[in-house]
Amino acid sequence: MIDYVADYLENIRDRQTVSGVEPGYLRELVPDEAPRDPEQWDDVFRDIERVIMPGVSTLIATRTEGNFLLAHKPISVPNARI
């Protein structure tokens, strides 16, 4: 998981900024029940990229940092209420 997060942050410029999926998109991609046997970690991480990540908005990506510079900093919370 550490390697995945490090790779994600290192390549954040290549990530989509805003999710392009429709609500409910996961329903077709996720099985109705959990697997009975354990899966390999490589398969789990492939599923994260294939299934979960298309629905993630990366608003702290460098392409939007000018617009949302403080969005991920504690100081932004009081500013958002003003």
PDB file of N, CA and C in Angstrom:
ATOM      1  N   MET A   1       0.826  -1.186   0.000  1.00  0.00           N
ATOM      2  CA  MET A   1       0.000   0.000   0.000  1.00  0.00           C
ATOM      3  C   MET A   1       0.872   1.253   0.000  1.00  0.00           C
ATOM      4  N   ILE A   2       1.968   1.236   0.738  1.00  0.00           N
ATOM      5  CA  ILE A   2       2.863   2.391   0.782  1.00  0.00           C
ATOM      6  C   ILE A   2       3.381   2.699  -0.618  1.00  0.00           C
ATOM      7  N   ASP A   3       3.787   1.666  -1.332  1.00  0.00           N
ATOM      8  CA  ASP A   3       4.290   1.873  -2.692  1.00  0.00           C
ATOM      9  C   ASP A   3       3.201   2.441  -3.595  1.00  0.00           C
ATOM     10  N   TYR A   4       1.976   1.977  -3.420  1.00  0.00           N
ATOM     11  CA  TYR A   4       0.862   2.477  -4.230  1.00  0.00           C
ATOM     12  C   TYR A   4       0.643   3.966  -3.984  1.00  0.00           C
ATOM     13  N   VAL A   5       0.632   4.370  -2.717  1.00  0.00           N
ATOM     14  CA  VAL A   5       0.418   5.773  -2.371  1.00  0.00           C
ATOM     15  C   VAL A   5       1.577   6.624  -2.884  1.00  0.00           C
ATOM     16  N   ALA A   6       2.799   6.156  -2.718  1.00  0.00           N
ATOM     17  CA  ALA A   6       3.962   6.896  -3.206  1.00  0.00           C
ATOM     18  C   ALA A   6       3.894   7.062  -4.716  1.00  0.00           C
ATOM     19  N   ASP A   7       3.542   6.007  -5.423  1.00  0.00           N
ATOM     20  CA  ASP A   7       3.410   6.083  -6.883  1.00  0.00           C
ATOM     21  C   ASP A   7       2.288   7.034  -7.281  1.00  0.00           C
ATOM     22  N   TYR A   8       1.185   6.982  -6.561  1.00  0.00           N
ATOM     23  CA  TYR A   8       0.053   7.877  -6.822  1.00  0.00           C
ATOM     24  C   TYR A   8       0.500   9.338  -6.710  1.00  0.00           C
ATOM     25  N   LEU A   9       1.178   9.667  -5.628  1.00  0.00           N
ATOM     26  CA  LEU A   9       1.610  11.052  -5.425  1.00  0.00           C
ATOM     27  C   LEU A   9       2.687  11.472  -6.414  1.00  0.00           C
ATOM     28  N   GLU A  10       3.565  10.553  -6.768  1.00  0.00           N
ATOM     29  CA  GLU A  10       4.626  10.862  -7.721  1.00  0.00           C
ATOM     30  C   GLU A  10       4.065  11.134  -9.115  1.00  0.00           C
ATOM     31  N   ASN A  11       2.978  10.468  -9.457  1.00  0.00           N
ATOM     32  CA  ASN A  11       2.400  10.591 -10.796  1.00  0.00           C
ATOM     33  C   ASN A  11       1.075  11.340 -10.800  1.00  0.00           C
ATOM     34  N   ILE A  12       0.852  12.167  -9.805  1.00  0.00           N
ATOM     35  CA  ILE A  12      -0.437  12.844  -9.681  1.00  0.00           C
ATOM     36  C   ILE A  12      -0.722  13.761 -10.870  1.00  0.00           C
ATOM     37  N   ARG A  13       0.325  14.269 -11.520  1.00  0.00           N
ATOM     38  CA  ARG A  13       0.125  15.126 -12.699  1.00  0.00           C
ATOM     39  C   ARG A  13      -0.570  14.375 -13.836  1.00  0.00           C
ATOM     40  N   ASP A  14      -0.405  13.062 -13.864  1.00  0.00           N
ATOM     41  CA  ASP A  14      -1.004  12.254 -14.926  1.00  0.00           C
ATOM     42  C   ASP A  14      -2.422  11.805 -14.608  1.00  0.00           C
ATOM     43  N   ARG A  15      -2.895  12.071 -13.404  1.00  0.00           N
ATOM     44  CA  ARG A  15      -4.230  11.645 -12.983  1.00  0.00           C
ATOM     45  C   ARG A  15      -5.286  12.618 -13.491  1.00  0.00           C
ATOM     46  N   GLN A  16      -6.487  12.092 -13.662  1.00  0.00           N
ATOM     47  CA  GLN A  16      -7.602  12.976 -13.998  1.00  0.00           C
ATOM     48  C   GLN A  16      -7.916  13.845 -12.793  1.00  0.00           C
ATOM     49  N   THR A  17      -8.323  15.066 -13.049  1.00  0.00           N
ATOM     50  CA  THR A  17      -8.595  15.992 -11.965  1.00  0.00           C
ATOM     51  C   THR A  17      -9.984  15.751 -11.387  1.00  0.00           C
ATOM     52  N   VAL A  18     -10.954  15.591 -12.247  1.00  0.00           N
ATOM     53  CA  VAL A  18     -12.339  15.402 -11.813  1.00  0.00           C
ATOM     54  C   VAL A  18     -12.848  14.079 -12.365  1.00  0.00           C
ATOM     55  N   SER A  19     -13.564  13.369 -11.541  1.00  0.00           N
ATOM     56  CA  SER A  19     -14.125  12.083 -11.940  1.00  0.00           C
ATOM     57  C   SER A  19     -15.035  12.239 -13.154  1.00  0.00           C
ATOM     58  N   GLY A  20     -14.950  11.288 -14.069  1.00  0.00           N
ATOM     59  CA  GLY A  20     -15.784  11.334 -15.254  1.00  0.00           C
ATOM     60  C   GLY A  20     -16.835  10.242 -15.289  1.00  0.00           C
ATOM     61  N   VAL A  21     -17.123   9.638 -14.151  1.00  0.00           N
ATOM     62  CA  VAL A  21     -18.089   8.538 -14.112  1.00  0.00           C
ATOM     63  C   VAL A  21     -19.438   9.034 -13.620  1.00  0.00           C
ATOM     64  N   GLU A  22     -20.453   8.263 -13.895  1.00  0.00           N
ATOM     65  CA  GLU A  22     -21.817   8.586 -13.464  1.00  0.00           C
ATOM     66  C   GLU A  22     -22.097   7.943 -12.103  1.00  0.00           C
ATOM     67  N   PRO A  23     -22.966   8.541 -11.309  1.00  0.00           N
ATOM     68  CA  PRO A  23     -23.343   7.900 -10.040  1.00  0.00           C
ATOM     69  C   PRO A  23     -23.849   6.475 -10.283  1.00  0.00           C
ATOM     70  N   GLY A  24     -23.437   5.570  -9.425  1.00  0.00           N
ATOM     71  CA  GLY A  24     -23.861   4.182  -9.545  1.00  0.00           C
ATOM     72  C   GLY A  24     -22.965   3.326 -10.425  1.00  0.00           C
ATOM     73  N   TYR A  25     -21.886   3.916 -10.967  1.00  0.00           N
ATOM     74  CA  TYR A  25     -21.038   3.154 -11.884  1.00  0.00           C
ATOM     75  C   TYR A  25     -20.431   1.911 -11.230  1.00  0.00           C
ATOM     76  N   LEU A  26     -20.235   1.951  -9.921  1.00  0.00           N
ATOM     77  CA  LEU A  26     -19.610   0.819  -9.226  1.00  0.00           C
ATOM     78  C   LEU A  26     -20.485  -0.434  -9.215  1.00  0.00           C
ATOM     79  N   ARG A  27     -21.774  -0.239  -9.249  1.00  0.00           N
ATOM     80  CA  ARG A  27     -22.699  -1.370  -9.139  1.00  0.00           C
ATOM     81  C   ARG A  27     -22.396  -2.453 -10.167  1.00  0.00           C
ATOM     82  N   GLU A  28     -22.066  -2.069 -11.382  1.00  0.00           N
ATOM     83  CA  GLU A  28     -21.795  -3.058 -12.433  1.00  0.00           C
ATOM     84  C   GLU A  28     -20.396  -3.664 -12.325  1.00  0.00           C
ATOM     85  N   LEU A  29     -19.492  -2.983 -11.620  1.00  0.00           N
ATOM     86  CA  LEU A  29     -18.095  -3.417 -11.570  1.00  0.00           C
ATOM     87  C   LEU A  29     -17.741  -4.247 -10.341  1.00  0.00           C
ATOM     88  N   VAL A  30     -18.611  -4.250  -9.342  1.00  0.00           N
ATOM     89  CA  VAL A  30     -18.325  -4.952  -8.095  1.00  0.00           C
ATOM     90  C   VAL A  30     -19.217  -6.185  -7.997  1.00  0.00           C
ATOM     91  N   PRO A  31     -18.644  -7.326  -7.608  1.00  0.00           N
ATOM     92  CA  PRO A  31     -19.465  -8.531  -7.478  1.00  0.00           C
ATOM     93  C   PRO A  31     -20.521  -8.379  -6.383  1.00  0.00           C
ATOM     94  N   ASP A  32     -21.556  -9.165  -6.472  1.00  0.00           N
ATOM     95  CA  ASP A  32     -22.644  -9.113  -5.491  1.00  0.00           C
ATOM     96  C   ASP A  32     -22.210  -9.564  -4.098  1.00  0.00           C
ATOM     97  N   GLU A  33     -21.196 -10.427  -4.035  1.00  0.00           N
ATOM     98  CA  GLU A  33     -20.719 -10.871  -2.728  1.00  0.00           C
ATOM     99  C   GLU A  33     -19.196 -10.941  -2.730  1.00  0.00           C
ATOM    100  N   ALA A  34     -18.633 -10.905  -1.528  1.00  0.00           N
ATOM    101  CA  ALA A  34     -17.176 -10.948  -1.379  1.00  0.00           C
ATOM    102  C   ALA A  34     -16.641 -12.309  -1.821  1.00  0.00           C
ATOM    103  N   PRO A  35     -15.410 -12.342  -2.287  1.00  0.00           N
ATOM    104  CA  PRO A  35     -14.824 -13.631  -2.692  1.00  0.00           C
ATOM    105  C   PRO A  35     -14.659 -14.564  -1.493  1.00  0.00           C
ATOM    106  N   ARG A  36     -14.814 -15.842  -1.731  1.00  0.00           N
ATOM    107  CA  ARG A  36     -14.665 -16.828  -0.656  1.00  0.00           C
ATOM    108  C   ARG A  36     -13.192 -17.119  -0.366  1.00  0.00           C
ATOM    109  N   ASP A  37     -12.368 -17.017  -1.382  1.00  0.00           N
ATOM    110  CA  ASP A  37     -10.931 -17.269  -1.240  1.00  0.00           C
ATOM    111  C   ASP A  37     -10.176 -15.946  -1.336  1.00  0.00           C
ATOM    112  N   PRO A  38      -9.063 -15.836  -0.634  1.00  0.00           N
ATOM    113  CA  PRO A  38      -8.291 -14.588  -0.695  1.00  0.00           C
ATOM    114  C   PRO A  38      -7.762 -14.339  -2.102  1.00  0.00           C
ATOM    115  N   GLU A  39      -7.611 -13.067  -2.426  1.00  0.00           N
ATOM    116  CA  GLU A  39      -7.066 -12.680  -3.718  1.00  0.00           C
ATOM    117  C   GLU A  39      -5.642 -12.176  -3.538  1.00  0.00           C
ATOM    118  N   GLN A  40      -4.877 -12.254  -4.597  1.00  0.00           N
ATOM    119  CA  GLN A  40      -3.510 -11.743  -4.574  1.00  0.00           C
ATOM    120  C   GLN A  40      -3.533 -10.224  -4.481  1.00  0.00           C
ATOM    121  N   TRP A  41      -2.554  -9.639  -3.758  1.00  0.00           N
ATOM    122  CA  TRP A  41      -2.501  -8.182  -3.609  1.00  0.00           C
ATOM    123  C   TRP A  41      -2.397  -7.478  -4.956  1.00  0.00           C
ATOM    124  N   ASP A  42      -1.655  -8.043  -5.900  1.00  0.00           N
ATOM    125  CA  ASP A  42      -1.547  -7.421  -7.220  1.00  0.00           C
ATOM    126  C   ASP A  42      -2.918  -7.297  -7.872  1.00  0.00           C
ATOM    127  N   ASP A  43      -3.754  -8.316  -7.705  1.00  0.00           N
ATOM    128  CA  ASP A  43      -5.109  -8.265  -8.261  1.00  0.00           C
ATOM    129  C   ASP A  43      -5.952  -7.206  -7.551  1.00  0.00           C
ATOM    130  N   VAL A  44      -5.785  -7.086  -6.247  1.00  0.00           N
ATOM    131  CA  VAL A  44      -6.533  -6.088  -5.482  1.00  0.00           C
ATOM    132  C   VAL A  44      -6.154  -4.687  -5.954  1.00  0.00           C
ATOM    133  N   PHE A  45      -4.867  -4.413  -6.103  1.00  0.00           N
ATOM    134  CA  PHE A  45      -4.435  -3.093  -6.536  1.00  0.00           C
ATOM    135  C   PHE A  45      -4.847  -2.804  -7.979  1.00  0.00           C
ATOM    136  N   ARG A  46      -4.867  -3.826  -8.824  1.00  0.00           N
ATOM    137  CA  ARG A  46      -5.389  -3.626 -10.192  1.00  0.00           C
ATOM    138  C   ARG A  46      -6.864  -3.239 -10.145  1.00  0.00           C
ATOM    139  N   ASP A  47      -7.615  -3.879  -9.241  1.00  0.00           N
ATOM    140  CA  ASP A  47      -9.032  -3.531  -9.083  1.00  0.00           C
ATOM    141  C   ASP A  47      -9.204  -2.112  -8.558  1.00  0.00           C
ATOM    142  N   ILE A  48      -8.325  -1.684  -7.665  1.00  0.00           N
ATOM    143  CA  ILE A  48      -8.401  -0.307  -7.172  1.00  0.00           C
ATOM    144  C   ILE A  48      -8.271   0.661  -8.344  1.00  0.00           C
ATOM    145  N   GLU A  49      -7.285   0.434  -9.198  1.00  0.00           N
ATOM    146  CA  GLU A  49      -7.094   1.314 -10.365  1.00  0.00           C
ATOM    147  C   GLU A  49      -8.256   1.217 -11.343  1.00  0.00           C
ATOM    148  N   ARG A  50      -8.716   0.006 -11.590  1.00  0.00           N
ATOM    149  CA  ARG A  50      -9.753  -0.216 -12.606  1.00  0.00           C
ATOM    150  C   ARG A  50     -11.137   0.201 -12.133  1.00  0.00           C
ATOM    151  N   VAL A  51     -11.439  -0.020 -10.836  1.00  0.00           N
ATOM    152  CA  VAL A  51     -12.795   0.159 -10.333  1.00  0.00           C
ATOM    153  C   VAL A  51     -12.952   1.435  -9.500  1.00  0.00           C
ATOM    154  N   ILE A  52     -12.068   1.645  -8.556  1.00  0.00           N
ATOM    155  CA  ILE A  52     -12.223   2.757  -7.610  1.00  0.00           C
ATOM    156  C   ILE A  52     -11.720   4.082  -8.170  1.00  0.00           C
ATOM    157  N   MET A  53     -10.524   4.097  -8.723  1.00  0.00           N
ATOM    158  CA  MET A  53      -9.884   5.350  -9.106  1.00  0.00           C
ATOM    159  C   MET A  53     -10.629   6.149 -10.176  1.00  0.00           C
ATOM    160  N   PRO A  54     -11.362   5.541 -11.098  1.00  0.00           N
ATOM    161  CA  PRO A  54     -12.112   6.369 -12.042  1.00  0.00           C
ATOM    162  C   PRO A  54     -13.158   7.260 -11.367  1.00  0.00           C
ATOM    163  N   GLY A  55     -13.565   6.926 -10.152  1.00  0.00           N
ATOM    164  CA  GLY A  55     -14.556   7.720  -9.441  1.00  0.00           C
ATOM    165  C   GLY A  55     -13.959   8.731  -8.476  1.00  0.00           C
ATOM    166  N   VAL A  56     -12.634   8.856  -8.475  1.00  0.00           N
ATOM    167  CA  VAL A  56     -11.961   9.752  -7.530  1.00  0.00           C
ATOM    168  C   VAL A  56     -11.640  11.083  -8.205  1.00  0.00           C
ATOM    169  N   SER A  57     -11.973  12.172  -7.540  1.00  0.00           N
ATOM    170  CA  SER A  57     -11.570  13.504  -7.987  1.00  0.00           C
ATOM    171  C   SER A  57     -10.301  13.893  -7.240  1.00  0.00           C
ATOM    172  N   THR A  58      -9.311  14.349  -7.953  1.00  0.00           N
ATOM    173  CA  THR A  58      -8.026  14.702  -7.369  1.00  0.00           C
ATOM    174  C   THR A  58      -7.885  16.216  -7.401  1.00  0.00           C
ATOM    175  N   LEU A  59      -8.533  16.873  -6.465  1.00  0.00           N
ATOM    176  CA  LEU A  59      -8.535  18.332  -6.473  1.00  0.00           C
ATOM    177  C   LEU A  59      -7.249  18.943  -5.966  1.00  0.00           C
ATOM    178  N   ILE A  60      -6.325  18.137  -5.450  1.00  0.00           N
ATOM    179  CA  ILE A  60      -5.037  18.696  -5.061  1.00  0.00           C
ATOM    180  C   ILE A  60      -3.989  18.393  -6.120  1.00  0.00           C
ATOM    181  N   ALA A  61      -4.448  17.995  -7.307  1.00  0.00           N
ATOM    182  CA  ALA A  61      -3.530  17.761  -8.413  1.00  0.00           C
ATOM    183  C   ALA A  61      -2.895  19.087  -8.819  1.00  0.00           C
ATOM    184  N   THR A  62      -1.720  18.998  -9.376  1.00  0.00           N
ATOM    185  CA  THR A  62      -0.997  20.216  -9.719  1.00  0.00           C
ATOM    186  C   THR A  62      -1.722  21.040 -10.774  1.00  0.00           C
ATOM    187  N   ARG A  63      -2.567  20.419 -11.571  1.00  0.00           N
ATOM    188  CA  ARG A  63      -3.300  21.175 -12.592  1.00  0.00           C
ATOM    189  C   ARG A  63      -4.349  22.099 -11.981  1.00  0.00           C
ATOM    190  N   THR A  64      -4.776  21.827 -10.763  1.00  0.00           N
ATOM    191  CA  THR A  64      -5.803  22.665 -10.141  1.00  0.00           C
ATOM    192  C   THR A  64      -5.298  23.378  -8.905  1.00  0.00           C
ATOM    193  N   GLU A  65      -4.021  23.215  -8.599  1.00  0.00           N
ATOM    194  CA  GLU A  65      -3.497  23.780  -7.353  1.00  0.00           C
ATOM    195  C   GLU A  65      -3.694  25.290  -7.291  1.00  0.00           C
ATOM    196  N   GLY A  66      -3.666  25.974  -8.410  1.00  0.00           N
ATOM    197  CA  GLY A  66      -3.894  27.419  -8.400  1.00  0.00           C
ATOM    198  C   GLY A  66      -5.305  27.765  -7.964  1.00  0.00           C
ATOM    199  N   ASN A  67      -6.262  26.921  -8.279  1.00  0.00           N
ATOM    200  CA  ASN A  67      -7.647  27.173  -7.911  1.00  0.00           C
ATOM    201  C   ASN A  67      -7.968  26.705  -6.495  1.00  0.00           C
ATOM    202  N   PHE A  68      -7.331  25.641  -6.066  1.00  0.00           N
ATOM    203  CA  PHE A  68      -7.648  25.025  -4.782  1.00  0.00           C
ATOM    204  C   PHE A  68      -6.407  24.925  -3.898  1.00  0.00           C
ATOM    205  N   LEU A  69      -5.584  25.943  -3.910  1.00  0.00           N
ATOM    206  CA  LEU A  69      -4.303  25.884  -3.217  1.00  0.00           C
ATOM    207  C   LEU A  69      -4.454  25.524  -1.742  1.00  0.00           C
ATOM    208  N   LEU A  70      -5.455  26.058  -1.083  1.00  0.00           N
ATOM    209  CA  LEU A  70      -5.617  25.810   0.344  1.00  0.00           C
ATOM    210  C   LEU A  70      -6.637  24.721   0.652  1.00  0.00           C
ATOM    211  N   ALA A  71      -7.206  24.099  -0.354  1.00  0.00           N
ATOM    212  CA  ALA A  71      -8.286  23.140  -0.126  1.00  0.00           C
ATOM    213  C   ALA A  71      -7.856  21.967   0.749  1.00  0.00           C
ATOM    214  N   HIS A  72      -6.591  21.625   0.761  1.00  0.00           N
ATOM    215  CA  HIS A  72      -6.126  20.485   1.548  1.00  0.00           C
ATOM    216  C   HIS A  72      -5.316  20.915   2.764  1.00  0.00           C
ATOM    217  N   LYS A  73      -5.428  22.166   3.144  1.00  0.00           N
ATOM    218  CA  LYS A  73      -4.700  22.672   4.307  1.00  0.00           C
ATOM    219  C   LYS A  73      -5.706  23.087   5.389  1.00  0.00           C
ATOM    220  N   PRO A  74      -5.379  22.911   6.670  1.00  0.00           N
ATOM    221  CA  PRO A  74      -6.308  23.252   7.761  1.00  0.00           C
ATOM    222  C   PRO A  74      -6.790  24.700   7.718  1.00  0.00           C
ATOM    223  N   ILE A  75      -5.969  25.611   7.226  1.00  0.00           N
ATOM    224  CA  ILE A  75      -6.358  27.017   7.187  1.00  0.00           C
ATOM    225  C   ILE A  75      -7.566  27.248   6.272  1.00  0.00           C
ATOM    226  N   SER A  76      -7.814  26.344   5.341  1.00  0.00           N
ATOM    227  CA  SER A  76      -8.915  26.531   4.402  1.00  0.00           C
ATOM    228  C   SER A  76     -10.282  26.339   5.050  1.00  0.00           C
ATOM    229  N   VAL A  77     -10.350  25.600   6.153  1.00  0.00           N
ATOM    230  CA  VAL A  77     -11.643  25.348   6.794  1.00  0.00           C
ATOM    231  C   VAL A  77     -12.288  26.637   7.278  1.00  0.00           C
ATOM    232  N   PRO A  78     -11.593  27.483   8.060  1.00  0.00           N
ATOM    233  CA  PRO A  78     -12.230  28.752   8.457  1.00  0.00           C
ATOM    234  C   PRO A  78     -12.502  29.648   7.255  1.00  0.00           C
ATOM    235  N   ASN A  79     -11.631  29.655   6.267  1.00  0.00           N
ATOM    236  CA  ASN A  79     -11.816  30.499   5.090  1.00  0.00           C
ATOM    237  C   ASN A  79     -13.042  30.088   4.290  1.00  0.00           C
ATOM    238  N   ALA A  80     -13.345  28.796   4.279  1.00  0.00           N
ATOM    239  CA  ALA A  80     -14.502  28.316   3.523  1.00  0.00           C
ATOM    240  C   ALA A  80     -15.814  28.785   4.146  1.00  0.00           C
ATOM    241  N   ARG A  81     -15.785  29.139   5.417  1.00  0.00           N
ATOM    242  CA  ARG A  81     -17.004  29.566   6.103  1.00  0.00           C
ATOM    243  C   ARG A  81     -17.251  31.057   5.990  1.00  0.00           C
ATOM    244  N   ILE A  82     -16.269  31.787   5.524  1.00  0.00           N
ATOM    245  CA  ILE A  82     -16.416  33.240   5.431  1.00  0.00           C
ATOM    246  C   ILE A  82     -17.264  33.607   4.234  1.00  0.00           C
TER     247      ILE A  82
END
